[in-house]
Amino acid sequence: MKSNHDQTGFTLIELMIVIAIIGILAAVALPAYQDYVTRSKLVEPINAASAVGADVAEYFSTQGTWPTNNTQAGLFQPLYYSSTYVESLSVAGSKITVALRQIVSGGIASGTTLVFVGKDAKGSIAWQCRATGVSDHYLPSQCR
């Protein structure tokens, strides 16, 4: 006796191929996403330094000299700037030092620093960024 039932659905082989393709896509996408997340976490410390940089530049333009510390620049104490990814932010001369908190996704250890050095560029201040303990891969182009 012959059955007239047509079988529908996916075979085991087809399902295994789909699972393998999803695995390959995940293997490629996950590291790229983690890089993106780490880069986005570094935006906060850079923005904090930029905001303070405007105050330091104003001090330099009015006083003709760099402030020796946060208080002289009219800023809060270094730990005031503590946040999710910023441990502290301090000013010493033409340098703004941002100490970072640990960022696990990028392998960035607590206490890693971003240093912004101000240079007098004919009436305006140009900031150069240097980083210690952070892979260039995660830094914006201004800090590489």
C-alpha atoms as a PDB file:
ATOM      1  CA  MET A   1       0.000   0.000   0.000  1.00  0.00           C
ATOM      2  CA  LYS A   2       1.291   3.315  -1.045  1.00  0.00           C
ATOM      3  CA  SER A   3       0.910   6.410   1.117  1.00  0.00           C
ATOM      4  CA  ASN A   4       0.165   9.740  -0.548  1.00  0.00           C
ATOM      5  CA  HIS A   5       1.758  11.854   2.178  1.00  0.00           C
ATOM      6  CA  ASP A   6       4.329  14.329   0.885  1.00  0.00           C
ATOM      7  CA  GLN A   7       6.849  15.116   3.538  1.00  0.00           C
ATOM      8  CA  THR A   8       7.467  18.782   4.158  1.00  0.00           C
ATOM      9  CA  GLY A   9       9.978  20.606   6.315  1.00  0.00           C
ATOM     10  CA  PHE A  10      13.729  20.619   6.571  1.00  0.00           C
ATOM     11  CA  THR A  11      16.013  17.649   6.612  1.00  0.00           C
ATOM     12  CA  LEU A  12      18.622  17.199   9.296  1.00  0.00           C
ATOM     13  CA  ILE A  13      21.400  18.113   6.843  1.00  0.00           C
ATOM     14  CA  GLU A  14      19.719  21.411   5.942  1.00  0.00           C
ATOM     15  CA  LEU A  15      19.323  22.324   9.606  1.00  0.00           C
ATOM     16  CA  MET A  16      22.963  21.500  10.321  1.00  0.00           C
ATOM     17  CA  ILE A  17      24.092  23.686   7.413  1.00  0.00           C
ATOM     18  CA  VAL A  18      22.006  26.604   8.710  1.00  0.00           C
ATOM     19  CA  ILE A  19      23.459  26.189  12.209  1.00  0.00           C
ATOM     20  CA  ALA A  20      27.000  26.109  10.775  1.00  0.00           C
ATOM     21  CA  ILE A  21      26.363  29.302   8.796  1.00  0.00           C
ATOM     22  CA  ILE A  22      24.986  31.044  11.894  1.00  0.00           C
ATOM     23  CA  GLY A  23      28.073  29.931  13.830  1.00  0.00           C
ATOM     24  CA  ILE A  24      30.412  31.353  11.195  1.00  0.00           C
ATOM     25  CA  LEU A  25      28.538  34.663  11.117  1.00  0.00           C
ATOM     26  CA  ALA A  26      28.629  34.875  14.917  1.00  0.00           C
ATOM     27  CA  ALA A  27      32.368  34.135  14.956  1.00  0.00           C
ATOM     28  CA  VAL A  28      32.960  37.090  12.643  1.00  0.00           C
ATOM     29  CA  ALA A  29      30.415  39.500  14.109  1.00  0.00           C
ATOM     30  CA  LEU A  30      31.119  39.069  17.828  1.00  0.00           C
ATOM     31  CA  PRO A  31      34.748  40.334  17.814  1.00  0.00           C
ATOM     32  CA  ALA A  32      33.756  43.262  15.598  1.00  0.00           C
ATOM     33  CA  TYR A  33      30.960  44.154  18.005  1.00  0.00           C
ATOM     34  CA  GLN A  34      33.296  43.914  21.019  1.00  0.00           C
ATOM     35  CA  ASP A  35      35.736  46.296  19.292  1.00  0.00           C
ATOM     36  CA  TYR A  36      32.883  48.708  18.653  1.00  0.00           C
ATOM     37  CA  VAL A  37      31.784  48.534  22.299  1.00  0.00           C
ATOM     38  CA  THR A  38      35.318  49.208  23.574  1.00  0.00           C
ATOM     39  CA  ARG A  39      35.769  52.161  21.215  1.00  0.00           C
ATOM     40  CA  SER A  40      32.451  53.617  22.327  1.00  0.00           C
ATOM     41  CA  LYS A  41      33.492  53.313  25.988  1.00  0.00           C
ATOM     42  CA  LEU A  42      36.595  55.411  25.280  1.00  0.00           C
ATOM     43  CA  VAL A  43      34.428  58.273  24.018  1.00  0.00           C
ATOM     44  CA  GLU A  44      33.440  59.227  27.584  1.00  0.00           C
ATOM     45  CA  PRO A  45      37.000  59.927  28.828  1.00  0.00           C
ATOM     46  CA  ILE A  46      37.853  61.776  25.619  1.00  0.00           C
ATOM     47  CA  ASN A  47      34.759  63.970  25.932  1.00  0.00           C
ATOM     48  CA  ALA A  48      35.575  64.699  29.578  1.00  0.00           C
ATOM     49  CA  ALA A  49      39.076  65.816  28.594  1.00  0.00           C
ATOM     50  CA  SER A  50      37.686  67.956  25.767  1.00  0.00           C
ATOM     51  CA  ALA A  51      35.365  69.802  28.133  1.00  0.00           C
ATOM     52  CA  VAL A  52      38.172  70.437  30.607  1.00  0.00           C
ATOM     53  CA  GLY A  53      40.497  71.363  27.748  1.00  0.00           C
ATOM     54  CA  ALA A  54      38.312  74.356  26.933  1.00  0.00           C
ATOM     55  CA  ASP A  55      38.701  75.643  30.511  1.00  0.00           C
ATOM     56  CA  VAL A  56      42.459  75.048  30.483  1.00  0.00           C
ATOM     57  CA  ALA A  57      42.779  76.829  27.122  1.00  0.00           C
ATOM     58  CA  GLU A  58      40.788  79.777  28.476  1.00  0.00           C
ATOM     59  CA  TYR A  59      43.070  79.957  31.524  1.00  0.00           C
ATOM     60  CA  PHE A  60      46.129  79.897  29.257  1.00  0.00           C
ATOM     61  CA  SER A  61      44.757  82.624  26.991  1.00  0.00           C
ATOM     62  CA  THR A  62      43.905  84.950  29.893  1.00  0.00           C
ATOM     63  CA  GLN A  63      46.900  84.252  32.160  1.00  0.00           C
ATOM     64  CA  GLY A  64      49.592  83.534  29.576  1.00  0.00           C
ATOM     65  CA  THR A  65      50.694  80.456  31.506  1.00  0.00           C
ATOM     66  CA  TRP A  66      49.440  76.935  32.081  1.00  0.00           C
ATOM     67  CA  PRO A  67      47.587  76.107  35.308  1.00  0.00           C
ATOM     68  CA  THR A  68      49.559  73.980  37.762  1.00  0.00           C
ATOM     69  CA  ASN A  69      46.548  71.976  38.960  1.00  0.00           C
ATOM     70  CA  ASN A  70      42.774  71.604  38.762  1.00  0.00           C
ATOM     71  CA  THR A  71      42.095  74.278  41.386  1.00  0.00           C
ATOM     72  CA  GLN A  72      44.186  76.911  39.646  1.00  0.00           C
ATOM     73  CA  ALA A  73      42.372  76.166  36.380  1.00  0.00           C
ATOM     74  CA  GLY A  74      39.038  76.708  38.155  1.00  0.00           C
ATOM     75  CA  LEU A  75      38.148  73.030  37.962  1.00  0.00           C
ATOM     76  CA  PHE A  76      36.927  70.489  40.482  1.00  0.00           C
ATOM     77  CA  GLN A  77      39.285  68.058  42.196  1.00  0.00           C
ATOM     78  CA  PRO A  78      40.443  65.067  40.065  1.00  0.00           C
ATOM     79  CA  LEU A  79      38.087  62.509  41.642  1.00  0.00           C
ATOM     80  CA  TYR A  80      35.060  64.723  40.949  1.00  0.00           C
ATOM     81  CA  TYR A  81      35.265  63.633  37.315  1.00  0.00           C
ATOM     82  CA  SER A  82      34.993  59.959  38.272  1.00  0.00           C
ATOM     83  CA  SER A  83      32.370  58.147  36.207  1.00  0.00           C
ATOM     84  CA  THR A  84      31.694  54.791  34.613  1.00  0.00           C
ATOM     85  CA  TYR A  85      34.943  54.734  32.628  1.00  0.00           C
ATOM     86  CA  VAL A  86      36.885  57.650  34.160  1.00  0.00           C
ATOM     87  CA  GLU A  87      38.759  57.130  37.421  1.00  0.00           C
ATOM     88  CA  SER A  88      40.063  60.703  37.688  1.00  0.00           C
ATOM     89  CA  LEU A  89      40.949  63.713  35.572  1.00  0.00           C
ATOM     90  CA  SER A  90      43.790  66.010  36.535  1.00  0.00           C
ATOM     91  CA  VAL A  91      45.517  69.060  35.114  1.00  0.00           C
ATOM     92  CA  ALA A  92      49.238  69.729  35.494  1.00  0.00           C
ATOM     93  CA  GLY A  93      50.685  72.406  33.277  1.00  0.00           C
ATOM     94  CA  SER A  94      49.790  71.811  29.654  1.00  0.00           C
ATOM     95  CA  LYS A  95      48.763  68.202  30.370  1.00  0.00           C
ATOM     96  CA  ILE A  96      45.309  66.833  31.052  1.00  0.00           C
ATOM     97  CA  THR A  97      45.599  63.279  32.365  1.00  0.00           C
ATOM     98  CA  VAL A  98      42.564  61.017  32.368  1.00  0.00           C
ATOM     99  CA  ALA A  99      42.977  57.828  34.408  1.00  0.00           C
ATOM    100  CA  LEU A 100      40.641  55.134  33.121  1.00  0.00           C
ATOM    101  CA  ARG A 101      38.697  52.488  34.965  1.00  0.00           C
ATOM    102  CA  GLN A 102      39.016  48.893  33.822  1.00  0.00           C
ATOM    103  CA  ILE A 103      37.322  48.187  30.497  1.00  0.00           C
ATOM    104  CA  VAL A 104      37.154  44.411  30.353  1.00  0.00           C
ATOM    105  CA  SER A 105      35.981  44.104  26.749  1.00  0.00           C
ATOM    106  CA  GLY A 106      39.101  45.850  25.472  1.00  0.00           C
ATOM    107  CA  GLY A 107      41.596  44.491  27.968  1.00  0.00           C
ATOM    108  CA  ILE A 108      42.148  47.995  29.351  1.00  0.00           C
ATOM    109  CA  ALA A 109      43.403  47.887  32.931  1.00  0.00           C
ATOM    110  CA  SER A 110      42.348  50.257  35.677  1.00  0.00           C
ATOM    111  CA  GLY A 111      44.727  53.212  35.924  1.00  0.00           C
ATOM    112  CA  THR A 112      45.514  53.244  32.214  1.00  0.00           C
ATOM    113  CA  THR A 113      45.885  56.861  31.117  1.00  0.00           C
ATOM    114  CA  LEU A 114      45.012  59.137  28.255  1.00  0.00           C
ATOM    115  CA  VAL A 115      47.167  62.269  28.256  1.00  0.00           C
ATOM    116  CA  PHE A 116      46.208  65.368  26.296  1.00  0.00           C
ATOM    117  CA  VAL A 117      49.055  67.844  25.829  1.00  0.00           C
ATOM    118  CA  GLY A 118      48.221  71.407  24.859  1.00  0.00           C
ATOM    119  CA  LYS A 119      50.442  73.355  22.473  1.00  0.00           C
ATOM    120  CA  ASP A 120      50.119  77.052  21.760  1.00  0.00           C
ATOM    121  CA  ALA A 121      49.414  77.240  18.028  1.00  0.00           C
ATOM    122  CA  LYS A 122      49.467  80.964  17.232  1.00  0.00           C
ATOM    123  CA  GLY A 123      46.618  82.086  19.442  1.00  0.00           C
ATOM    124  CA  SER A 124      44.748  78.819  19.742  1.00  0.00           C
ATOM    125  CA  ILE A 125      45.484  75.636  21.626  1.00  0.00           C
ATOM    126  CA  ALA A 126      46.065  72.398  19.732  1.00  0.00           C
ATOM    127  CA  TRP A 127      45.633  69.240  21.793  1.00  0.00           C
ATOM    128  CA  GLN A 128      47.703  66.135  21.151  1.00  0.00           C
ATOM    129  CA  CYS A 129      46.553  62.853  22.625  1.00  0.00           C
ATOM    130  CA  ARG A 130      48.750  60.021  23.885  1.00  0.00           C
ATOM    131  CA  ALA A 131      47.648  56.796  25.485  1.00  0.00           C
ATOM    132  CA  THR A 132      49.403  54.240  27.661  1.00  0.00           C
ATOM    133  CA  GLY A 133      48.086  50.717  27.993  1.00  0.00           C
ATOM    134  CA  VAL A 134      45.489  51.045  25.229  1.00  0.00           C
ATOM    135  CA  SER A 135      45.838  49.342  21.877  1.00  0.00           C
ATOM    136  CA  ASP A 136      45.905  51.831  18.989  1.00  0.00           C
ATOM    137  CA  HIS A 137      43.149  49.731  17.484  1.00  0.00           C
ATOM    138  CA  TYR A 138      40.663  51.113  20.043  1.00  0.00           C
ATOM    139  CA  LEU A 139      41.772  54.744  19.956  1.00  0.00           C
ATOM    140  CA  PRO A 140      40.323  57.477  17.771  1.00  0.00           C
ATOM    141  CA  SER A 141      42.633  58.769  15.050  1.00  0.00           C
ATOM    142  CA  GLN A 142      43.617  61.843  17.108  1.00  0.00           C
ATOM    143  CA  CYS A 143      45.214  59.576  19.740  1.00  0.00           C
ATOM    144  CA  ARG A 144      47.134  57.154  17.512  1.00  0.00           C
END
